[in-house]
Amino acid sequence: MKIHDVIIIGAGVTGTAIARQLSRYKLDIAVLEKEEDLAFGVSKSNSGIIHPGTQNPVDSLKGRLCVQGNRLMRVIARELGVDFKEVGELIVVFREEDIAELQQIKEEAEKLGVPGLKIVRREWLRQHEPNLSPEAVAALYAPTAGIVSPYRLVYDLAENAVKNGAEFYTQHKVIAIAAMPAQSASASCFEITTTRAAFKSRYVINAAGLYADDVCAMVGINDVRITPRKGEEFILDKKKEHLTRHLLFPLPTKISKGILVIKTADGNPMIGPTAEDVSDKEDLSTTGAGFEKVLAGVRGMLPSINANDVIAYFAGLRPVAGHDFIIRHEAKVPGFITVAGIQSPGLTAAPAIAVFVERLLAEHGLRLKKKWLFHRYRQKTVHLFAIPFAKTRALIKKDRGYGDIVCRCEMVSAKEVRDAIKRGATTLDGIKFRTRAQAGRCHGSFCTTRLMKILAQEKGVPLTEITKKGKGSQVVREDRANA
């Protein structure tokens, strides 16, 4: 059996960022993902905020990695064609006595190295955020906050890692890990059994998100406990794209950054999330109570928002493992690295987490020899919704597929859909996350049938094998009576 240098468990934003970082070196790297596609776990429900580092304890690992990750994200955006937009954030208060808390947040963030912070008052807010409630008295302005598409970031990182030699295996749920006895990490060897195959590796990186504690337990590490924290969020119609100019935050609570108004890289604003600890790692249900709570919370900041603006409900689970990230080499299991509890600001911190893990590997015996040729850059993916019509016309002249619009709500062409399938999409959700087809107000009412036909044609399978998100989510069932 082939022995890999490093196997990464989990292909969310953390796992793919680590894979891309390590692909700079002459290493044999594999990434194992239990889902049908990448970004189908925690990362698919991420709000896409690139945090500046304003709401983390000064002495925390997550605070340090957040600020570093914010800087590194700009580098990654340039190299991989990621749709990063720097929009800034405002932490808004409505009482004069709360300004002292803003000042404290500002001072702590400045100790972490967050640049450009300032407290702004009513006049500034009226000028720069005209739809904000007139009851707002002040805000802490952080200009370095930004937004990305979280799933497209995952795909861009993974594709570049593959370009540099990494291997990705989807539908490979890890069910057992056997650690061979070793005197040191450099002499370690693990046998990893998945639902489909077995692998060997000298080092294992556990980036399994909600299931990181289960993976730890497979090698006898029992001090990691993941508590799922459910957040319900609600997407607004794209016609509300310019409702705000910044990300809007209330004062944070002990367990959450609060209910936000979130600009997104795709234009549709989002509101939320709630924050509720649950026991079920598969509980993605939304509730009427959650909707009312979020709507009431954001109306305090933006009174013009109403229920009719909402076009979609969803919930995500954050893998909470205490108050800070857990990133460590396990001394009792040499060669095993735990990366757990990567909740907010995990997306922002992902590039910095990757550098941190790289250093841990080097400190524990992995020889990191740089490649002569590292493919640093990736051509930016074409999205018609993000370019002017003049460029669209030029693209149609080169390929008529760009003029064949499949998704009218989001202006997605047949060419973009086929390109997404060639890049790895095997399901309707895989196409949706890569292109936004089905993400508009009609939720795919007009385009789903066409998408299924294109997917079936490109993959050479019948329509009955097309799924929404993998096994058990078939869209069309064969008529058994006529089979």
Protein backbone atom coordinates (compact mmCIF):
# COMPACT_ATOMS: atom_id res chain seq x y z
CA MET A 1 0.00 0.00 0.00
CA LYS A 2 1.26 3.46 -0.90
CA ILE A 3 2.35 5.50 2.12
CA HIS A 4 1.40 9.18 1.96
CA ASP A 5 3.40 11.82 3.75
CA VAL A 6 0.26 13.60 4.98
CA ILE A 7 -3.42 12.71 5.01
CA ILE A 8 -5.92 15.44 5.85
CA ILE A 9 -9.35 14.41 7.10
CA GLY A 10 -11.98 16.92 6.07
CA ALA A 11 -12.29 19.02 2.91
CA GLY A 12 -13.87 22.18 4.23
CA VAL A 13 -12.12 25.53 4.16
CA THR A 14 -9.62 24.50 6.86
CA GLY A 15 -8.67 21.20 5.23
CA THR A 16 -8.37 22.65 1.73
CA ALA A 17 -6.33 25.63 2.97
CA ILE A 18 -3.92 23.21 4.67
CA ALA A 19 -3.73 21.07 1.52
CA ARG A 20 -2.92 24.06 -0.63
CA GLN A 21 -0.26 25.32 1.79
CA LEU A 22 1.45 21.93 2.01
CA SER A 23 1.31 21.44 -1.76
CA ARG A 24 4.20 23.92 -1.98
CA TYR A 25 6.47 21.11 -0.83
CA LYS A 26 7.61 17.76 -2.20
CA LEU A 27 5.01 15.80 -0.27
CA ASP A 28 2.51 13.09 -1.09
CA ILE A 29 -0.77 14.58 0.18
CA ALA A 30 -4.29 13.12 0.26
CA VAL A 31 -7.51 14.70 1.54
CA LEU A 32 -10.38 12.47 2.66
CA GLU A 33 -13.93 13.86 2.67
CA LYS A 34 -17.01 11.93 3.77
CA GLU A 35 -19.49 13.94 1.68
CA GLU A 36 -20.24 13.73 -2.04
CA ASP A 37 -18.42 17.00 -2.69
CA LEU A 38 -16.14 19.51 -1.00
CA ALA A 39 -17.63 22.27 1.19
CA PHE A 40 -20.76 20.20 1.93
CA GLY A 41 -20.17 20.30 5.70
CA VAL A 42 -19.66 23.31 7.98
CA SER A 43 -18.24 25.45 5.17
CA LYS A 44 -21.39 25.44 3.04
CA SER A 45 -23.33 27.34 5.72
CA ASN A 46 -20.65 29.94 6.38
CA SER A 47 -21.64 33.60 6.09
CA GLY A 48 -18.52 34.43 4.08
CA ILE A 49 -17.29 37.22 6.36
CA ILE A 50 -13.56 37.94 6.46
CA HIS A 51 -13.35 39.34 9.97
CA PRO A 52 -10.84 42.07 10.86
CA GLY A 53 -10.17 40.66 14.36
CA THR A 54 -12.23 43.07 16.44
CA GLN A 55 -14.12 40.60 18.62
CA ASN A 56 -11.54 38.11 19.88
CA PRO A 57 -9.64 37.99 23.19
CA VAL A 58 -6.15 39.45 22.95
CA ASP A 59 -4.54 36.29 24.34
CA SER A 60 -6.49 33.87 22.13
CA LEU A 61 -5.17 31.75 19.30
CA LYS A 62 -8.24 32.54 17.23
CA GLY A 63 -7.62 36.28 17.63
CA ARG A 64 -4.02 36.04 16.45
CA LEU A 65 -4.85 33.76 13.54
CA CYS A 66 -7.84 35.88 12.54
CA VAL A 67 -5.71 39.01 12.07
CA GLN A 68 -3.03 37.04 10.23
CA GLY A 69 -5.65 35.28 8.10
CA ASN A 70 -7.26 38.59 7.15
CA ARG A 71 -3.94 39.69 5.65
CA LEU A 72 -3.26 36.34 3.98
CA MET A 73 -6.73 36.23 2.42
CA ARG A 74 -5.82 39.18 0.24
CA VAL A 75 -2.79 37.28 -1.08
CA ILE A 76 -4.89 34.17 -1.76
CA ALA A 77 -7.55 36.27 -3.49
CA ARG A 78 -4.97 37.67 -5.90
CA GLU A 79 -3.34 34.32 -6.54
CA LEU A 80 -6.48 32.22 -6.97
CA GLY A 81 -8.97 34.71 -8.40
CA VAL A 82 -11.14 34.60 -5.27
CA ASP A 83 -14.00 37.11 -5.26
CA PHE A 84 -12.82 38.99 -2.16
CA LYS A 85 -14.39 42.40 -1.48
CA GLU A 86 -13.27 44.69 1.33
CA VAL A 87 -16.46 46.32 2.62
CA GLY A 88 -15.65 47.18 6.25
CA GLU A 89 -17.72 46.51 9.34
CA LEU A 90 -19.60 48.61 11.89
CA ILE A 91 -20.31 47.47 15.45
CA VAL A 92 -23.32 49.65 16.21
CA VAL A 93 -24.55 50.88 19.59
CA PHE A 94 -27.75 52.70 20.52
CA ARG A 95 -26.89 54.04 23.98
CA GLU A 96 -24.24 56.56 24.90
CA GLU A 97 -23.12 54.40 27.82
CA ASP A 98 -22.22 51.58 25.38
CA ILE A 99 -19.53 53.68 23.68
CA ALA A 100 -17.17 52.73 26.51
CA GLU A 101 -17.55 49.08 25.47
CA LEU A 102 -16.77 50.03 21.87
CA GLN A 103 -13.63 51.73 23.11
CA GLN A 104 -12.61 48.58 24.98
CA ILE A 105 -13.17 46.43 21.88
CA LYS A 106 -11.10 48.91 19.88
CA GLU A 107 -8.19 48.84 22.34
CA GLU A 108 -8.13 45.02 22.47
CA ALA A 109 -8.27 44.75 18.68
CA GLU A 110 -5.43 47.24 18.30
CA LYS A 111 -3.30 45.07 20.61
CA LEU A 112 -3.89 42.22 18.15
CA GLY A 113 -2.77 44.47 15.31
CA VAL A 114 -6.10 45.32 13.65
CA PRO A 115 -5.47 48.48 11.56
CA GLY A 116 -7.58 51.55 10.82
CA LEU A 117 -10.08 51.32 13.68
CA LYS A 118 -12.07 54.36 14.69
CA ILE A 119 -15.23 55.19 16.60
CA VAL A 120 -17.69 57.10 14.43
CA ARG A 121 -20.73 59.09 15.54
CA ARG A 122 -24.19 59.99 14.22
CA GLU A 123 -23.10 62.38 11.48
CA TRP A 124 -20.65 59.87 9.99
CA LEU A 125 -23.26 57.10 10.17
CA ARG A 126 -25.92 59.21 8.44
CA GLN A 127 -23.49 59.96 5.63
CA HIS A 128 -21.98 56.49 5.16
CA GLU A 129 -24.84 54.17 6.19
CA PRO A 130 -28.04 56.09 5.33
CA ASN A 131 -30.48 53.19 5.94
CA LEU A 132 -29.22 52.63 9.48
CA SER A 133 -31.69 53.41 12.28
CA PRO A 134 -31.52 57.06 13.37
CA GLU A 135 -31.45 55.72 16.94
CA ALA A 136 -27.84 54.57 16.43
CA VAL A 137 -25.49 56.84 18.39
CA ALA A 138 -22.08 55.46 17.42
CA ALA A 139 -20.19 52.53 15.90
CA LEU A 140 -16.73 51.03 15.82
CA TYR A 141 -15.57 51.11 12.20
CA ALA A 142 -13.15 48.40 11.02
CA PRO A 143 -12.24 49.01 7.36
CA THR A 144 -10.40 45.70 6.78
CA ALA A 145 -13.49 43.48 7.10
CA GLY A 146 -14.42 41.78 3.85
CA ILE A 147 -16.60 39.17 2.18
CA VAL A 148 -16.01 36.11 -0.01
CA SER A 149 -18.05 33.20 -1.31
CA PRO A 150 -17.11 30.51 1.25
CA TYR A 151 -17.78 27.54 -1.01
CA ARG A 152 -16.08 29.00 -4.07
CA LEU A 153 -13.07 29.75 -1.84
CA VAL A 154 -12.97 26.04 -0.91
CA TYR A 155 -13.14 24.96 -4.55
CA ASP A 156 -10.45 27.43 -5.61
CA LEU A 157 -8.11 26.28 -2.84
CA ALA A 158 -8.72 22.62 -3.65
CA GLU A 159 -8.25 23.03 -7.39
CA ASN A 160 -4.94 24.79 -6.85
CA ALA A 161 -3.84 22.07 -4.41
CA VAL A 162 -4.68 19.44 -7.02
CA LYS A 163 -2.76 21.42 -9.63
CA ASN A 164 0.19 21.10 -7.27
CA GLY A 165 -0.16 17.37 -6.77
CA ALA A 166 -2.59 16.88 -3.86
CA GLU A 167 -5.23 14.15 -4.18
CA PHE A 168 -8.85 14.48 -3.03
CA TYR A 169 -11.12 11.54 -2.22
CA THR A 170 -14.82 12.28 -1.68
CA GLN A 171 -17.36 9.81 -0.24
CA HIS A 172 -14.56 8.46 1.95
CA LYS A 173 -15.85 8.60 5.51
CA VAL A 174 -13.10 7.67 7.94
CA ILE A 175 -14.27 4.82 10.17
CA ALA A 176 -11.02 3.70 11.83
CA ILE A 177 -7.44 4.85 12.36
CA ALA A 178 -4.69 2.52 13.52
CA ALA A 179 -1.54 4.22 14.80
CA MET A 180 1.55 2.06 14.49
CA PRO A 181 3.93 2.29 17.48
CA ALA A 182 6.70 4.84 16.91
CA GLN A 183 9.40 6.53 18.96
CA SER A 184 8.89 9.85 17.18
CA ALA A 185 6.51 11.57 14.78
CA SER A 186 9.00 11.28 11.92
CA ALA A 187 8.87 7.49 12.25
CA SER A 188 5.11 7.30 12.67
CA CYS A 189 2.71 5.50 10.38
CA PHE A 190 -1.08 5.42 10.38
CA GLU A 191 -3.51 3.14 8.60
CA ILE A 192 -6.75 4.97 7.87
CA THR A 193 -9.80 2.96 6.92
CA THR A 194 -12.67 4.66 5.10
CA THR A 195 -16.00 3.39 3.87
CA ARG A 196 -14.40 2.73 0.49
CA ALA A 197 -10.68 2.03 0.90
CA ALA A 198 -7.65 1.97 3.17
CA PHE A 199 -4.77 4.46 3.23
CA LYS A 200 -1.41 4.74 4.96
CA SER A 201 0.27 7.96 5.99
CA ARG A 202 3.17 9.17 8.08
CA TYR A 203 1.15 12.13 9.41
CA VAL A 204 -2.57 12.69 9.89
CA ILE A 205 -4.27 16.07 10.19
CA ASN A 206 -7.72 15.96 11.74
CA ALA A 207 -9.73 18.83 10.21
CA ALA A 208 -13.07 17.01 10.40
CA GLY A 209 -15.16 19.93 11.65
CA LEU A 210 -18.21 18.77 13.60
CA TYR A 211 -16.75 15.27 13.74
CA ALA A 212 -13.23 16.17 14.86
CA ASP A 213 -13.91 14.70 18.31
CA ASP A 214 -15.02 11.39 16.78
CA VAL A 215 -11.82 11.25 14.72
CA CYS A 216 -9.73 12.07 17.80
CA ALA A 217 -11.38 9.23 19.69
CA MET A 218 -10.26 6.78 16.98
CA VAL A 219 -6.66 7.23 18.16
CA GLY A 220 -7.45 7.42 21.89
CA ILE A 221 -7.63 11.20 22.28
CA ASN A 222 -10.68 11.85 24.43
CA ASP A 223 -10.31 15.42 25.69
CA VAL A 224 -11.85 17.05 22.59
CA ARG A 225 -15.60 17.60 22.75
CA ILE A 226 -17.48 19.24 19.90
CA THR A 227 -20.77 20.97 20.74
CA PRO A 228 -22.75 21.92 17.62
CA ARG A 229 -23.97 25.52 17.79
CA LYS A 230 -26.82 26.09 15.39
CA GLY A 231 -27.20 29.38 13.60
CA GLU A 232 -30.29 30.15 11.53
CA GLU A 233 -29.75 32.67 8.73
CA PHE A 234 -32.04 34.19 6.15
CA ILE A 235 -31.19 35.38 2.64
CA LEU A 236 -32.76 38.51 1.20
CA ASP A 237 -33.72 39.24 -2.38
CA LYS A 238 -30.92 40.52 -4.60
CA LYS A 239 -32.82 43.75 -5.16
CA LYS A 240 -31.77 44.57 -1.58
CA GLU A 241 -28.08 44.34 -2.53
CA HIS A 242 -27.40 47.98 -1.66
CA LEU A 243 -29.40 48.00 1.58
CA THR A 244 -26.14 48.53 3.48
CA ARG A 245 -22.62 49.60 2.57
CA HIS A 246 -20.91 47.72 5.41
CA LEU A 247 -21.29 44.59 7.51
CA LEU A 248 -23.45 45.59 10.49
CA PHE A 249 -22.88 44.07 13.94
CA PRO A 250 -24.49 44.74 17.32
CA LEU A 251 -22.43 44.55 20.50
CA PRO A 252 -21.25 40.92 20.86
CA THR A 253 -22.58 38.55 23.52
CA LYS A 254 -20.64 35.93 25.48
CA ILE A 255 -21.41 33.19 22.93
CA SER A 256 -22.02 35.07 19.68
CA LYS A 257 -21.19 38.09 17.60
CA GLY A 258 -24.93 38.73 17.60
CA ILE A 259 -27.53 39.03 14.87
CA LEU A 260 -25.97 40.71 11.86
CA VAL A 261 -26.80 42.30 8.54
CA ILE A 262 -24.34 40.67 6.17
CA LYS A 263 -23.31 41.81 2.74
CA THR A 264 -22.34 38.84 0.59
CA ALA A 265 -20.02 38.32 -2.34
CA ASP A 266 -23.04 37.30 -4.45
CA GLY A 267 -25.13 40.39 -3.75
CA ASN A 268 -27.95 38.93 -1.66
CA PRO A 269 -27.78 40.34 1.88
CA MET A 270 -28.18 37.86 4.75
CA ILE A 271 -29.53 38.40 8.23
CA GLY A 272 -28.70 36.32 11.29
CA PRO A 273 -27.50 34.07 12.78
CA THR A 274 -29.11 32.78 15.90
CA ALA A 275 -26.85 30.89 18.32
CA GLU A 276 -28.25 27.76 19.97
CA ASP A 277 -26.25 24.83 21.31
CA VAL A 278 -27.76 21.55 20.10
CA SER A 279 -26.87 17.89 20.52
CA ASP A 280 -27.57 16.62 17.01
CA LYS A 281 -24.72 17.14 14.51
CA GLU A 282 -27.21 16.77 11.64
CA ASP A 283 -29.83 19.25 12.90
CA LEU A 284 -30.13 21.83 10.13
CA SER A 285 -33.76 22.71 10.77
CA THR A 286 -35.03 26.27 10.76
CA THR A 287 -37.82 27.56 13.00
CA GLY A 288 -40.43 30.26 13.07
CA ALA A 289 -39.07 31.40 16.42
CA GLY A 290 -35.59 31.75 14.94
CA PHE A 291 -36.94 33.79 12.04
CA GLU A 292 -38.85 36.15 14.35
CA LYS A 293 -35.80 36.58 16.59
CA VAL A 294 -33.53 37.44 13.67
CA LEU A 295 -36.05 39.76 12.05
CA ALA A 296 -36.63 41.65 15.31
CA GLY A 297 -32.88 41.90 15.90
CA VAL A 298 -32.01 43.36 12.51
CA ARG A 299 -34.98 45.73 12.43
CA GLY A 300 -33.38 47.50 15.36
CA MET A 301 -30.52 48.41 13.03
CA LEU A 302 -32.37 48.58 9.70
CA PRO A 303 -36.07 49.37 10.22
CA SER A 304 -36.88 49.02 6.51
CA ILE A 305 -36.29 45.24 6.43
CA ASN A 306 -39.47 43.16 6.32
CA ALA A 307 -40.40 39.50 6.02
CA ASN A 308 -41.22 39.80 2.31
CA ASP A 309 -37.55 40.56 1.58
CA VAL A 310 -36.55 37.03 2.64
CA ILE A 311 -36.21 34.45 -0.14
CA ALA A 312 -34.48 31.55 1.64
CA TYR A 313 -34.00 30.07 5.11
CA PHE A 314 -31.08 27.88 6.15
CA ALA A 315 -29.20 26.77 9.24
CA GLY A 316 -25.56 25.92 9.83
CA LEU A 317 -23.73 24.22 12.68
CA ARG A 318 -20.53 25.61 14.15
CA PRO A 319 -18.12 23.14 15.78
CA VAL A 320 -17.60 24.62 19.24
CA ALA A 321 -14.88 23.08 21.42
CA GLY A 322 -14.51 25.65 24.18
CA HIS A 323 -13.58 29.31 23.84
CA ASP A 324 -10.65 28.93 21.47
CA PHE A 325 -9.37 26.91 18.54
CA ILE A 326 -7.61 23.63 19.31
CA ILE A 327 -4.57 23.23 17.05
CA ARG A 328 -1.90 20.94 18.41
CA HIS A 329 0.40 18.00 17.77
CA GLU A 330 -0.70 15.08 19.93
CA ALA A 331 2.32 13.98 21.98
CA LYS A 332 0.64 10.70 22.95
CA VAL A 333 0.04 9.90 19.25
CA PRO A 334 3.14 11.12 17.40
CA GLY A 335 2.36 12.36 13.90
CA PHE A 336 -1.31 13.17 14.64
CA ILE A 337 -2.36 16.83 14.53
CA THR A 338 -5.72 18.01 15.84
CA VAL A 339 -7.39 21.02 14.25
CA ALA A 340 -10.71 21.31 16.08
CA GLY A 341 -13.23 23.85 17.32
CA ILE A 342 -12.75 25.98 14.21
CA GLN A 343 -15.82 28.13 14.57
CA SER A 344 -16.00 31.86 13.75
CA PRO A 345 -13.64 33.39 12.67
CA GLY A 346 -12.50 30.08 11.18
CA LEU A 347 -13.02 31.07 7.54
CA THR A 348 -10.88 34.17 8.02
CA ALA A 349 -8.24 32.28 9.97
CA ALA A 350 -8.02 29.32 7.55
CA PRO A 351 -4.91 30.52 5.65
CA ALA A 352 -3.15 31.29 8.94
CA ILE A 353 -4.24 27.94 10.41
CA ALA A 354 -2.60 26.30 7.40
CA VAL A 355 0.69 28.10 8.10
CA PHE A 356 0.42 27.16 11.79
CA VAL A 357 -0.08 23.49 10.92
CA GLU A 358 2.81 23.61 8.48
CA ARG A 359 5.04 24.80 11.31
CA LEU A 360 3.78 22.07 13.65
CA LEU A 361 4.60 19.43 11.06
CA ALA A 362 8.11 20.80 10.58
CA GLU A 363 8.68 20.92 14.35
CA HIS A 364 7.68 17.26 14.63
CA GLY A 365 9.86 15.73 11.99
CA LEU A 366 8.27 16.32 8.58
CA ARG A 367 10.90 17.43 6.09
CA LEU A 368 9.52 20.33 4.06
CA LYS A 369 11.46 20.63 0.82
CA LYS A 370 10.08 23.29 -1.52
CA LYS A 371 9.19 22.35 -5.07
CA TRP A 372 11.07 23.93 -7.92
CA LEU A 373 7.74 24.82 -9.47
CA PHE A 374 4.75 25.72 -7.33
CA HIS A 375 1.72 26.76 -9.37
CA ARG A 376 0.80 29.79 -7.30
CA TYR A 377 -1.80 31.27 -9.62
CA ARG A 378 -5.17 30.11 -10.88
CA GLN A 379 -7.24 31.64 -13.67
CA LYS A 380 -10.31 33.36 -12.24
CA THR A 381 -13.57 31.53 -12.87
CA VAL A 382 -16.01 33.32 -15.17
CA HIS A 383 -19.32 34.34 -13.59
CA LEU A 384 -21.63 36.35 -15.84
CA PHE A 385 -23.40 37.83 -12.82
CA ALA A 386 -20.12 39.49 -11.78
CA ILE A 387 -19.06 41.08 -15.09
CA PRO A 388 -20.45 43.91 -17.26
CA PHE A 389 -22.58 43.11 -20.33
CA ALA A 390 -19.82 44.28 -22.65
CA LYS A 391 -17.57 41.49 -21.41
CA THR A 392 -20.46 39.02 -21.63
CA ARG A 393 -20.97 39.91 -25.29
CA ALA A 394 -17.27 39.33 -25.95
CA LEU A 395 -17.46 35.91 -24.25
CA ILE A 396 -20.49 34.92 -26.34
CA LYS A 397 -18.56 35.68 -29.50
CA LYS A 398 -15.89 33.22 -28.37
CA ASP A 399 -18.31 30.55 -27.12
CA ARG A 400 -22.06 30.57 -27.78
CA GLY A 401 -22.58 28.59 -24.58
CA TYR A 402 -22.25 31.83 -22.64
CA GLY A 403 -25.34 33.12 -24.42
CA ASP A 404 -27.44 30.10 -23.41
CA ILE A 405 -28.83 31.28 -20.06
CA VAL A 406 -29.92 28.38 -17.87
CA CYS A 407 -30.61 30.24 -14.60
CA ARG A 408 -32.35 33.54 -15.24
CA CYS A 409 -32.47 34.68 -11.61
CA GLU A 410 -28.68 34.56 -11.25
CA MET A 411 -27.61 34.92 -14.92
CA VAL A 412 -25.85 31.56 -15.19
CA SER A 413 -25.05 30.18 -18.63
CA ALA A 414 -24.83 26.63 -19.91
CA LYS A 415 -21.10 27.13 -20.44
CA GLU A 416 -20.60 27.98 -16.76
CA VAL A 417 -22.62 24.92 -15.72
CA ARG A 418 -20.59 22.60 -17.93
CA ASP A 419 -17.35 24.14 -16.68
CA ALA A 420 -18.51 23.56 -13.08
CA ILE A 421 -19.12 19.88 -13.84
CA LYS A 422 -15.69 19.56 -15.41
CA ARG A 423 -14.25 21.16 -12.26
CA GLY A 424 -15.82 18.46 -10.10
CA ALA A 425 -19.54 19.14 -9.53
CA THR A 426 -21.46 15.86 -9.46
CA THR A 427 -24.71 17.06 -7.84
CA LEU A 428 -27.19 19.91 -8.17
CA ASP A 429 -25.82 21.48 -5.00
CA GLY A 430 -22.29 21.14 -6.37
CA ILE A 431 -23.39 23.16 -9.41
CA LYS A 432 -25.24 25.65 -7.20
CA PHE A 433 -22.28 26.34 -4.94
CA ARG A 434 -19.92 26.78 -7.90
CA THR A 435 -22.20 28.88 -10.15
CA ARG A 436 -25.24 30.12 -8.10
CA ALA A 437 -27.68 28.40 -10.46
CA GLN A 438 -30.82 27.68 -8.34
CA ALA A 439 -29.84 30.30 -5.74
CA GLY A 440 -32.29 33.01 -6.80
CA ARG A 441 -35.82 33.86 -5.73
CA CYS A 442 -37.40 31.02 -7.75
CA HIS A 443 -35.12 28.39 -6.08
CA GLY A 444 -34.52 26.55 -9.31
CA SER A 445 -38.14 26.35 -10.48
CA PHE A 446 -37.08 27.36 -13.99
CA CYS A 447 -33.58 25.88 -14.22
CA THR A 448 -33.49 22.61 -12.26
CA THR A 449 -34.76 20.42 -15.11
CA ARG A 450 -32.23 21.90 -17.52
CA LEU A 451 -29.42 21.54 -15.00
CA MET A 452 -30.29 17.88 -14.52
CA LYS A 453 -30.22 17.26 -18.26
CA ILE A 454 -26.82 18.94 -18.62
CA LEU A 455 -25.42 17.04 -15.63
CA ALA A 456 -26.75 13.71 -16.94
CA GLN A 457 -25.29 14.41 -20.37
CA GLU A 458 -21.88 15.47 -19.08
CA LYS A 459 -21.60 12.54 -16.64
CA GLY A 460 -23.13 9.98 -18.99
CA VAL A 461 -25.76 8.83 -16.49
CA PRO A 462 -29.58 8.64 -16.53
CA LEU A 463 -31.66 11.36 -14.91
CA THR A 464 -32.64 8.95 -12.14
CA GLU A 465 -29.03 9.02 -10.89
CA ILE A 466 -28.92 12.81 -10.53
CA THR A 467 -29.03 13.91 -6.88
CA LYS A 468 -29.34 17.14 -4.97
CA LYS A 469 -26.43 16.49 -2.62
CA GLY A 470 -25.45 12.83 -2.92
CA LYS A 471 -26.76 9.42 -2.00
CA GLY A 472 -30.38 9.43 -0.84
CA SER A 473 -31.30 12.76 -2.45
CA GLN A 474 -32.35 11.63 -5.93
CA VAL A 475 -34.64 14.14 -7.64
CA VAL A 476 -36.36 11.80 -10.12
CA ARG A 477 -37.41 8.26 -9.20
CA GLU A 478 -37.75 5.52 -11.74
CA ASP A 479 -41.34 4.37 -12.29
CA ARG A 480 -41.10 0.86 -10.86
CA ALA A 481 -44.44 -0.11 -12.35
CA ASN A 482 -43.09 0.39 -15.85
CA ALA A 483 -39.55 -0.82 -15.16
